[in-house]
Amino acid sequence: MSFLRFAFAEVKEMVSALESSGGRMKGASKEMLHADTAHFGHEGLQSACDDFADSWNYGFGRLSKMTKDISKFADKCENGFDGLDKKLRDELVEATKK
């Protein structure tokens, strides 16, 4: 292994934390879908609660997609660094033979 490093473990840990948070958000989102906002008071408050639930669902969807993209990117980076590291090592070994 050469001096090349990619903080793969740290990125995967961050992705795991985001996925865990996303799971809790998804659960809360499902609960909000069943909420009857008629119990919250006047029409303006009911509308605000409905708007918040819609916004929450949209935000959760975006977070979920970004988390998956980050995980895929981290895997690609790790593979790329491993390949580059192997190539560098092979070339250094070859150079020392000459």
PDB file of N, CA and C in Angstrom:
ATOM      1  N   MET A   1       0.848  -1.180   0.000  1.00  0.00           N
ATOM      2  CA  MET A   1       0.000   0.000   0.000  1.00  0.00           C
ATOM      3  C   MET A   1       0.886   1.232   0.000  1.00  0.00           C
ATOM      4  N   SER A   2       0.506   2.218  -0.768  1.00  0.00           N
ATOM      5  CA  SER A   2       1.300   3.444  -0.883  1.00  0.00           C
ATOM      6  C   SER A   2       0.765   4.514   0.067  1.00  0.00           C
ATOM      7  N   PHE A   3       1.147   5.732  -0.208  1.00  0.00           N
ATOM      8  CA  PHE A   3       0.726   6.866   0.601  1.00  0.00           C
ATOM      9  C   PHE A   3      -0.703   7.298   0.288  1.00  0.00           C
ATOM     10  N   LEU A   4      -1.305   6.756  -0.757  1.00  0.00           N
ATOM     11  CA  LEU A   4      -2.667   7.135  -1.122  1.00  0.00           C
ATOM     12  C   LEU A   4      -3.655   6.641  -0.072  1.00  0.00           C
ATOM     13  N   ARG A   5      -4.559   7.519   0.324  1.00  0.00           N
ATOM     14  CA  ARG A   5      -5.560   7.146   1.316  1.00  0.00           C
ATOM     15  C   ARG A   5      -6.902   7.764   0.938  1.00  0.00           C
ATOM     16  N   PHE A   6      -7.942   7.034   1.224  1.00  0.00           N
ATOM     17  CA  PHE A   6      -9.307   7.539   1.098  1.00  0.00           C
ATOM     18  C   PHE A   6     -10.008   7.203   2.402  1.00  0.00           C
ATOM     19  N   ALA A   7     -10.673   8.159   2.982  1.00  0.00           N
ATOM     20  CA  ALA A   7     -11.320   7.974   4.284  1.00  0.00           C
ATOM     21  C   ALA A   7     -12.616   7.175   4.128  1.00  0.00           C
ATOM     22  N   PHE A   8     -12.483   5.972   3.578  1.00  0.00           N
ATOM     23  CA  PHE A   8     -13.645   5.137   3.283  1.00  0.00           C
ATOM     24  C   PHE A   8     -14.447   4.816   4.540  1.00  0.00           C
ATOM     25  N   ALA A   9     -13.771   4.410   5.593  1.00  0.00           N
ATOM     26  CA  ALA A   9     -14.472   4.035   6.825  1.00  0.00           C
ATOM     27  C   ALA A   9     -15.269   5.217   7.383  1.00  0.00           C
ATOM     28  N   GLU A  10     -14.695   6.400   7.341  1.00  0.00           N
ATOM     29  CA  GLU A  10     -15.376   7.585   7.856  1.00  0.00           C
ATOM     30  C   GLU A  10     -16.594   7.933   7.003  1.00  0.00           C
ATOM     31  N   VAL A  11     -16.448   7.835   5.691  1.00  0.00           N
ATOM     32  CA  VAL A  11     -17.577   8.124   4.802  1.00  0.00           C
ATOM     33  C   VAL A  11     -18.688   7.108   5.015  1.00  0.00           C
ATOM     34  N   LYS A  12     -18.324   5.830   5.113  1.00  0.00           N
ATOM     35  CA  LYS A  12     -19.334   4.789   5.342  1.00  0.00           C
ATOM     36  C   LYS A  12     -20.029   4.990   6.697  1.00  0.00           C
ATOM     37  N   GLU A  13     -19.275   5.430   7.705  1.00  0.00           N
ATOM     38  CA  GLU A  13     -19.871   5.699   9.014  1.00  0.00           C
ATOM     39  C   GLU A  13     -20.887   6.837   8.914  1.00  0.00           C
ATOM     40  N   MET A  14     -20.532   7.882   8.152  1.00  0.00           N
ATOM     41  CA  MET A  14     -21.454   8.999   7.956  1.00  0.00           C
ATOM     42  C   MET A  14     -22.706   8.522   7.223  1.00  0.00           C
ATOM     43  N   VAL A  15     -22.533   7.699   6.194  1.00  0.00           N
ATOM     44  CA  VAL A  15     -23.671   7.174   5.439  1.00  0.00           C
ATOM     45  C   VAL A  15     -24.565   6.338   6.354  1.00  0.00           C
ATOM     46  N   SER A  16     -23.955   5.543   7.200  1.00  0.00           N
ATOM     47  CA  SER A  16     -24.724   4.719   8.129  1.00  0.00           C
ATOM     48  C   SER A  16     -25.546   5.594   9.079  1.00  0.00           C
ATOM     49  N   ALA A  17     -24.949   6.668   9.568  1.00  0.00           N
ATOM     50  CA  ALA A  17     -25.676   7.579  10.462  1.00  0.00           C
ATOM     51  C   ALA A  17     -26.833   8.239   9.714  1.00  0.00           C
ATOM     52  N   LEU A  18     -26.601   8.630   8.461  1.00  0.00           N
ATOM     53  CA  LEU A  18     -27.674   9.230   7.666  1.00  0.00           C
ATOM     54  C   LEU A  18     -28.792   8.227   7.398  1.00  0.00           C
ATOM     55  N   GLU A  19     -28.417   6.979   7.119  1.00  0.00           N
ATOM     56  CA  GLU A  19     -29.429   5.953   6.873  1.00  0.00           C
ATOM     57  C   GLU A  19     -30.251   5.691   8.136  1.00  0.00           C
ATOM     58  N   SER A  20     -29.599   5.684   9.278  1.00  0.00           N
ATOM     59  CA  SER A  20     -30.303   5.483  10.543  1.00  0.00           C
ATOM     60  C   SER A  20     -31.283   6.633  10.799  1.00  0.00           C
ATOM     61  N   SER A  21     -30.810   7.848  10.589  1.00  0.00           N
ATOM     62  CA  SER A  21     -31.687   9.013  10.745  1.00  0.00           C
ATOM     63  C   SER A  21     -32.832   8.951   9.744  1.00  0.00           C
ATOM     64  N   GLY A  22     -32.507   8.540   8.534  1.00  0.00           N
ATOM     65  CA  GLY A  22     -33.522   8.427   7.497  1.00  0.00           C
ATOM     66  C   GLY A  22     -34.587   7.414   7.866  1.00  0.00           C
ATOM     67  N   GLY A  23     -34.188   6.331   8.502  1.00  0.00           N
ATOM     68  CA  GLY A  23     -35.153   5.329   8.941  1.00  0.00           C
ATOM     69  C   GLY A  23     -36.127   5.904   9.958  1.00  0.00           C
ATOM     70  N   ARG A  24     -35.593   6.696  10.877  1.00  0.00           N
ATOM     71  CA  ARG A  24     -36.468   7.333  11.866  1.00  0.00           C
ATOM     72  C   ARG A  24     -37.374   8.365  11.196  1.00  0.00           C
ATOM     73  N   MET A  25     -36.822   9.104  10.233  1.00  0.00           N
ATOM     74  CA  MET A  25     -37.636  10.080   9.512  1.00  0.00           C
ATOM     75  C   MET A  25     -38.748   9.387   8.729  1.00  0.00           C
ATOM     76  N   LYS A  26     -38.429   8.254   8.124  1.00  0.00           N
ATOM     77  CA  LYS A  26     -39.430   7.520   7.357  1.00  0.00           C
ATOM     78  C   LYS A  26     -40.569   7.069   8.270  1.00  0.00           C
ATOM     79  N   GLY A  27     -40.217   6.578   9.465  1.00  0.00           N
ATOM     80  CA  GLY A  27     -41.240   6.164  10.419  1.00  0.00           C
ATOM     81  C   GLY A  27     -42.131   7.327  10.819  1.00  0.00           C
ATOM     82  N   ALA A  28     -41.519   8.472  11.097  1.00  0.00           N
ATOM     83  CA  ALA A  28     -42.294   9.655  11.462  1.00  0.00           C
ATOM     84  C   ALA A  28     -43.163  10.113  10.301  1.00  0.00           C
ATOM     85  N   SER A  29     -42.624  10.019   9.104  1.00  0.00           N
ATOM     86  CA  SER A  29     -43.371  10.416   7.909  1.00  0.00           C
ATOM     87  C   SER A  29     -44.611   9.546   7.732  1.00  0.00           C
ATOM     88  N   LYS A  30     -44.460   8.238   7.943  1.00  0.00           N
ATOM     89  CA  LYS A  30     -45.610   7.332   7.825  1.00  0.00           C
ATOM     90  C   LYS A  30     -46.675   7.661   8.864  1.00  0.00           C
ATOM     91  N   GLU A  31     -46.234   8.002  10.065  1.00  0.00           N
ATOM     92  CA  GLU A  31     -47.182   8.360  11.117  1.00  0.00           C
ATOM     93  C   GLU A  31     -47.934   9.641  10.755  1.00  0.00           C
ATOM     94  N   MET A  32     -47.222  10.610  10.175  1.00  0.00           N
ATOM     95  CA  MET A  32     -47.870  11.877   9.821  1.00  0.00           C
ATOM     96  C   MET A  32     -48.907  11.691   8.722  1.00  0.00           C
ATOM     97  N   LEU A  33     -48.710  10.706   7.848  1.00  0.00           N
ATOM     98  CA  LEU A  33     -49.684  10.476   6.787  1.00  0.00           C
ATOM     99  C   LEU A  33     -51.047  10.090   7.347  1.00  0.00           C
ATOM    100  N   HIS A  34     -51.046   9.485   8.515  1.00  0.00           N
ATOM    101  CA  HIS A  34     -52.301   9.038   9.131  1.00  0.00           C
ATOM    102  C   HIS A  34     -52.878  10.058  10.107  1.00  0.00           C
ATOM    103  N   ALA A  35     -52.196  11.175  10.277  1.00  0.00           N
ATOM    104  CA  ALA A  35     -52.664  12.188  11.219  1.00  0.00           C
ATOM    105  C   ALA A  35     -53.890  12.906  10.656  1.00  0.00           C
ATOM    106  N   ASP A  36     -54.841  13.126  11.501  1.00  0.00           N
ATOM    107  CA  ASP A  36     -56.045  13.870  11.124  1.00  0.00           C
ATOM    108  C   ASP A  36     -55.866  15.294  11.629  1.00  0.00           C
ATOM    109  N   THR A  37     -55.534  16.191  10.730  1.00  0.00           N
ATOM    110  CA  THR A  37     -55.228  17.565  11.125  1.00  0.00           C
ATOM    111  C   THR A  37     -56.458  18.329  11.587  1.00  0.00           C
ATOM    112  N   ALA A  38     -57.626  17.745  11.440  1.00  0.00           N
ATOM    113  CA  ALA A  38     -58.843  18.418  11.902  1.00  0.00           C
ATOM    114  C   ALA A  38     -58.809  18.632  13.412  1.00  0.00           C
ATOM    115  N   HIS A  39     -58.017  17.864  14.126  1.00  0.00           N
ATOM    116  CA  HIS A  39     -57.935  17.983  15.583  1.00  0.00           C
ATOM    117  C   HIS A  39     -56.965  19.073  16.026  1.00  0.00           C
ATOM    118  N   PHE A  40     -56.284  19.708  15.091  1.00  0.00           N
ATOM    119  CA  PHE A  40     -55.261  20.680  15.448  1.00  0.00           C
ATOM    120  C   PHE A  40     -55.783  22.104  15.603  1.00  0.00           C
ATOM    121  N   GLY A  41     -57.015  22.319  15.327  1.00  0.00           N
ATOM    122  CA  GLY A  41     -57.539  23.675  15.503  1.00  0.00           C
ATOM    123  C   GLY A  41     -58.058  24.270  14.216  1.00  0.00           C
ATOM    124  N   HIS A  42     -57.817  25.568  14.062  1.00  0.00           N
ATOM    125  CA  HIS A  42     -58.398  26.296  12.933  1.00  0.00           C
ATOM    126  C   HIS A  42     -57.781  25.867  11.592  1.00  0.00           C
ATOM    127  N   GLU A  43     -58.432  26.299  10.531  1.00  0.00           N
ATOM    128  CA  GLU A  43     -58.064  25.870   9.170  1.00  0.00           C
ATOM    129  C   GLU A  43     -56.622  26.222   8.806  1.00  0.00           C
ATOM    130  N   GLY A  44     -56.137  27.370   9.235  1.00  0.00           N
ATOM    131  CA  GLY A  44     -54.770  27.780   8.928  1.00  0.00           C
ATOM    132  C   GLY A  44     -53.748  26.837   9.544  1.00  0.00           C
ATOM    133  N   LEU A  45     -54.012  26.414  10.761  1.00  0.00           N
ATOM    134  CA  LEU A  45     -53.113  25.480  11.428  1.00  0.00           C
ATOM    135  C   LEU A  45     -53.171  24.110  10.758  1.00  0.00           C
ATOM    136  N   GLN A  46     -54.362  23.693  10.367  1.00  0.00           N
ATOM    137  CA  GLN A  46     -54.513  22.416   9.659  1.00  0.00           C
ATOM    138  C   GLN A  46     -53.724  22.442   8.353  1.00  0.00           C
ATOM    139  N   SER A  47     -53.838  23.529   7.629  1.00  0.00           N
ATOM    140  CA  SER A  47     -53.125  23.680   6.365  1.00  0.00           C
ATOM    141  C   SER A  47     -51.611  23.672   6.584  1.00  0.00           C
ATOM    142  N   ALA A  48     -51.163  24.373   7.629  1.00  0.00           N
ATOM    143  CA  ALA A  48     -49.728  24.420   7.930  1.00  0.00           C
ATOM    144  C   ALA A  48     -49.217  23.023   8.273  1.00  0.00           C
ATOM    145  N   CYS A  49     -49.992  22.253   9.018  1.00  0.00           N
ATOM    146  CA  CYS A  49     -49.585  20.885   9.368  1.00  0.00           C
ATOM    147  C   CYS A  49     -49.504  20.009   8.121  1.00  0.00           C
ATOM    148  N   ASP A  50     -50.480  20.146   7.239  1.00  0.00           N
ATOM    149  CA  ASP A  50     -50.457  19.379   5.988  1.00  0.00           C
ATOM    150  C   ASP A  50     -49.260  19.766   5.125  1.00  0.00           C
ATOM    151  N   ASP A  51     -48.987  21.074   5.049  1.00  0.00           N
ATOM    152  CA  ASP A  51     -47.824  21.543   4.275  1.00  0.00           C
ATOM    153  C   ASP A  51     -46.522  21.001   4.859  1.00  0.00           C
ATOM    154  N   PHE A  52     -46.428  20.998   6.187  1.00  0.00           N
ATOM    155  CA  PHE A  52     -45.230  20.476   6.843  1.00  0.00           C
ATOM    156  C   PHE A  52     -45.050  18.995   6.523  1.00  0.00           C
ATOM    157  N   ALA A  53     -46.134  18.221   6.591  1.00  0.00           N
ATOM    158  CA  ALA A  53     -46.054  16.784   6.292  1.00  0.00           C
ATOM    159  C   ALA A  53     -45.584  16.567   4.857  1.00  0.00           C
ATOM    160  N   ASP A  54     -46.098  17.363   3.923  1.00  0.00           N
ATOM    161  CA  ASP A  54     -45.663  17.246   2.528  1.00  0.00           C
ATOM    162  C   ASP A  54     -44.187  17.584   2.389  1.00  0.00           C
ATOM    163  N   SER A  55     -43.775  18.650   3.049  1.00  0.00           N
ATOM    164  CA  SER A  55     -42.376  19.073   2.999  1.00  0.00           C
ATOM    165  C   SER A  55     -41.472  18.011   3.625  1.00  0.00           C
ATOM    166  N   TRP A  56     -41.916  17.438   4.719  1.00  0.00           N
ATOM    167  CA  TRP A  56     -41.150  16.386   5.406  1.00  0.00           C
ATOM    168  C   TRP A  56     -40.958  15.205   4.462  1.00  0.00           C
ATOM    169  N   ASN A  57     -42.017  14.781   3.791  1.00  0.00           N
ATOM    170  CA  ASN A  57     -41.927  13.653   2.853  1.00  0.00           C
ATOM    171  C   ASN A  57     -40.959  13.963   1.721  1.00  0.00           C
ATOM    172  N   TYR A  58     -41.029  15.174   1.187  1.00  0.00           N
ATOM    173  CA  TYR A  58     -40.125  15.570   0.110  1.00  0.00           C
ATOM    174  C   TYR A  58     -38.678  15.559   0.614  1.00  0.00           C
ATOM    175  N   GLY A  59     -38.446  16.145   1.795  1.00  0.00           N
ATOM    176  CA  GLY A  59     -37.096  16.200   2.353  1.00  0.00           C
ATOM    177  C   GLY A  59     -36.543  14.814   2.633  1.00  0.00           C
ATOM    178  N   PHE A  60     -37.388  13.935   3.144  1.00  0.00           N
ATOM    179  CA  PHE A  60     -36.933  12.570   3.403  1.00  0.00           C
ATOM    180  C   PHE A  60     -36.530  11.888   2.104  1.00  0.00           C
ATOM    181  N   GLY A  61     -37.325  12.061   1.057  1.00  0.00           N
ATOM    182  CA  GLY A  61     -36.990  11.453  -0.236  1.00  0.00           C
ATOM    183  C   GLY A  61     -35.649  11.941  -0.760  1.00  0.00           C
ATOM    184  N   ARG A  62     -35.399  13.231  -0.628  1.00  0.00           N
ATOM    185  CA  ARG A  62     -34.119  13.807  -1.076  1.00  0.00           C
ATOM    186  C   ARG A  62     -32.962  13.265  -0.246  1.00  0.00           C
ATOM    187  N   LEU A  63     -33.132  13.205   1.075  1.00  0.00           N
ATOM    188  CA  LEU A  63     -32.081  12.682   1.950  1.00  0.00           C
ATOM    189  C   LEU A  63     -31.778  11.231   1.610  1.00  0.00           C
ATOM    190  N   SER A  64     -32.807  10.448   1.386  1.00  0.00           N
ATOM    191  CA  SER A  64     -32.622   9.034   1.064  1.00  0.00           C
ATOM    192  C   SER A  64     -31.834   8.871  -0.235  1.00  0.00           C
ATOM    193  N   LYS A  65     -32.183   9.660  -1.250  1.00  0.00           N
ATOM    194  CA  LYS A  65     -31.477   9.576  -2.533  1.00  0.00           C
ATOM    195  C   LYS A  65     -30.024  10.006  -2.384  1.00  0.00           C
ATOM    196  N   MET A  66     -29.800  11.102  -1.669  1.00  0.00           N
ATOM    197  CA  MET A  66     -28.429  11.577  -1.493  1.00  0.00           C
ATOM    198  C   MET A  66     -27.586  10.571  -0.712  1.00  0.00           C
ATOM    199  N   THR A  67     -28.184   9.935   0.280  1.00  0.00           N
ATOM    200  CA  THR A  67     -27.456   8.945   1.073  1.00  0.00           C
ATOM    201  C   THR A  67     -27.028   7.781   0.194  1.00  0.00           C
ATOM    202  N   LYS A  68     -27.923   7.311  -0.654  1.00  0.00           N
ATOM    203  CA  LYS A  68     -27.578   6.215  -1.571  1.00  0.00           C
ATOM    204  C   LYS A  68     -26.484   6.652  -2.534  1.00  0.00           C
ATOM    205  N   ASP A  69     -26.578   7.891  -3.030  1.00  0.00           N
ATOM    206  CA  ASP A  69     -25.556   8.400  -3.952  1.00  0.00           C
ATOM    207  C   ASP A  69     -24.194   8.508  -3.269  1.00  0.00           C
ATOM    208  N   ILE A  70     -24.182   8.974  -2.019  1.00  0.00           N
ATOM    209  CA  ILE A  70     -22.918   9.091  -1.277  1.00  0.00           C
ATOM    210  C   ILE A  70     -22.300   7.711  -1.085  1.00  0.00           C
ATOM    211  N   SER A  71     -23.128   6.731  -0.757  1.00  0.00           N
ATOM    212  CA  SER A  71     -22.629   5.373  -0.553  1.00  0.00           C
ATOM    213  C   SER A  71     -22.029   4.812  -1.844  1.00  0.00           C
ATOM    214  N   LYS A  72     -22.711   5.007  -2.965  1.00  0.00           N
ATOM    215  CA  LYS A  72     -22.191   4.543  -4.257  1.00  0.00           C
ATOM    216  C   LYS A  72     -20.878   5.254  -4.592  1.00  0.00           C
ATOM    217  N   PHE A  73     -20.829   6.563  -4.344  1.00  0.00           N
ATOM    218  CA  PHE A  73     -19.625   7.343  -4.623  1.00  0.00           C
ATOM    219  C   PHE A  73     -18.458   6.850  -3.773  1.00  0.00           C
ATOM    220  N   ALA A  74     -18.723   6.567  -2.495  1.00  0.00           N
ATOM    221  CA  ALA A  74     -17.662   6.072  -1.608  1.00  0.00           C
ATOM    222  C   ALA A  74     -17.126   4.740  -2.111  1.00  0.00           C
ATOM    223  N   ASP A  75     -18.015   3.854  -2.563  1.00  0.00           N
ATOM    224  CA  ASP A  75     -17.573   2.565  -3.100  1.00  0.00           C
ATOM    225  C   ASP A  75     -16.704   2.761  -4.339  1.00  0.00           C
ATOM    226  N   LYS A  76     -17.130   3.669  -5.222  1.00  0.00           N
ATOM    227  CA  LYS A  76     -16.347   3.938  -6.433  1.00  0.00           C
ATOM    228  C   LYS A  76     -14.979   4.513  -6.075  1.00  0.00           C
ATOM    229  N   CYS A  77     -14.962   5.422  -5.113  1.00  0.00           N
ATOM    230  CA  CYS A  77     -13.689   6.019  -4.695  1.00  0.00           C
ATOM    231  C   CYS A  77     -12.759   4.970  -4.110  1.00  0.00           C
ATOM    232  N   GLU A  78     -13.303   4.112  -3.267  1.00  0.00           N
ATOM    233  CA  GLU A  78     -12.462   3.080  -2.674  1.00  0.00           C
ATOM    234  C   GLU A  78     -11.882   2.177  -3.762  1.00  0.00           C
ATOM    235  N   ASN A  79     -12.709   1.764  -4.705  1.00  0.00           N
ATOM    236  CA  ASN A  79     -12.232   0.912  -5.799  1.00  0.00           C
ATOM    237  C   ASN A  79     -11.204   1.640  -6.660  1.00  0.00           C
ATOM    238  N   GLY A  80     -11.461   2.911  -6.937  1.00  0.00           N
ATOM    239  CA  GLY A  80     -10.523   3.703  -7.725  1.00  0.00           C
ATOM    240  C   GLY A  80      -9.189   3.872  -7.034  1.00  0.00           C
ATOM    241  N   PHE A  81      -9.227   4.171  -5.743  1.00  0.00           N
ATOM    242  CA  PHE A  81      -7.983   4.319  -4.996  1.00  0.00           C
ATOM    243  C   PHE A  81      -7.234   3.003  -4.913  1.00  0.00           C
ATOM    244  N   ASP A  82      -7.957   1.917  -4.698  1.00  0.00           N
ATOM    245  CA  ASP A  82      -7.294   0.606  -4.644  1.00  0.00           C
ATOM    246  C   ASP A  82      -6.605   0.289  -5.970  1.00  0.00           C
ATOM    247  N   GLY A  83      -7.306   0.551  -7.076  1.00  0.00           N
ATOM    248  CA  GLY A  83      -6.726   0.297  -8.390  1.00  0.00           C
ATOM    249  C   GLY A  83      -5.522   1.175  -8.659  1.00  0.00           C
ATOM    250  N   LEU A  84      -5.635   2.446  -8.324  1.00  0.00           N
ATOM    251  CA  LEU A  84      -4.534   3.384  -8.522  1.00  0.00           C
ATOM    252  C   LEU A  84      -3.343   3.010  -7.636  1.00  0.00           C
ATOM    253  N   ASP A  85      -3.627   2.609  -6.423  1.00  0.00           N
ATOM    254  CA  ASP A  85      -2.571   2.208  -5.501  1.00  0.00           C
ATOM    255  C   ASP A  85      -1.836   0.973  -6.027  1.00  0.00           C
ATOM    256  N   LYS A  86      -2.573   0.003  -6.524  1.00  0.00           N
ATOM    257  CA  LYS A  86      -1.954  -1.208  -7.078  1.00  0.00           C
ATOM    258  C   LYS A  86      -1.089  -0.858  -8.295  1.00  0.00           C
ATOM    259  N   LYS A  87      -1.617   0.014  -9.147  1.00  0.00           N
ATOM    260  CA  LYS A  87      -0.853   0.407 -10.331  1.00  0.00           C
ATOM    261  C   LYS A  87       0.426   1.138  -9.928  1.00  0.00           C
ATOM    262  N   LEU A  88       0.321   2.018  -8.960  1.00  0.00           N
ATOM    263  CA  LEU A  88       1.499   2.746  -8.490  1.00  0.00           C
ATOM    264  C   LEU A  88       2.519   1.774  -7.892  1.00  0.00           C
ATOM    265  N   ARG A  89       2.067   0.845  -7.088  1.00  0.00           N
ATOM    266  CA  ARG A  89       2.967  -0.144  -6.489  1.00  0.00           C
ATOM    267  C   ARG A  89       3.658  -0.974  -7.576  1.00  0.00           C
ATOM    268  N   ASP A  90       2.884  -1.440  -8.543  1.00  0.00           N
ATOM    269  CA  ASP A  90       3.457  -2.243  -9.628  1.00  0.00           C
ATOM    270  C   ASP A  90       4.509  -1.454 -10.407  1.00  0.00           C
ATOM    271  N   GLU A  91       4.226  -0.180 -10.662  1.00  0.00           N
ATOM    272  CA  GLU A  91       5.184   0.630 -11.412  1.00  0.00           C
ATOM    273  C   GLU A  91       6.446   0.909 -10.587  1.00  0.00           C
ATOM    274  N   LEU A  92       6.278   1.087  -9.292  1.00  0.00           N
ATOM    275  CA  LEU A  92       7.457   1.293  -8.437  1.00  0.00           C
ATOM    276  C   LEU A  92       8.303   0.028  -8.353  1.00  0.00           C
ATOM    277  N   VAL A  93       7.657  -1.109  -8.256  1.00  0.00           N
ATOM    278  CA  VAL A  93       8.390  -2.390  -8.250  1.00  0.00           C
ATOM    279  C   VAL A  93       9.136  -2.555  -9.567  1.00  0.00           C
ATOM    280  N   GLU A  94       8.479  -2.258 -10.664  1.00  0.00           N
ATOM    281  CA  GLU A  94       9.099  -2.384 -11.986  1.00  0.00           C
ATOM    282  C   GLU A  94      10.270  -1.411 -12.129  1.00  0.00           C
ATOM    283  N   ALA A  95      10.097  -0.200 -11.609  1.00  0.00           N
ATOM    284  CA  ALA A  95      11.169   0.819 -11.706  1.00  0.00           C
ATOM    285  C   ALA A  95      12.390   0.409 -10.891  1.00  0.00           C
ATOM    286  N   THR A  96      12.175  -0.256  -9.761  1.00  0.00           N
ATOM    287  CA  THR A  96      13.315  -0.654  -8.927  1.00  0.00           C
ATOM    288  C   THR A  96      14.072  -1.828  -9.543  1.00  0.00           C
ATOM    289  N   LYS A  97      13.440  -2.555 -10.437  1.00  0.00           N
ATOM    290  CA  LYS A  97      14.111  -3.677 -11.122  1.00  0.00           C
ATOM    291  C   LYS A  97      15.083  -3.164 -12.177  1.00  0.00           C
ATOM    292  N   LYS A  98      14.871  -1.957 -12.660  1.00  0.00           N
ATOM    293  CA  LYS A  98      15.694  -1.424 -13.754  1.00  0.00           C
ATOM    294  C   LYS A  98      16.956  -0.791 -13.252  1.00  0.00           C
TER     295      LYS A  98
END
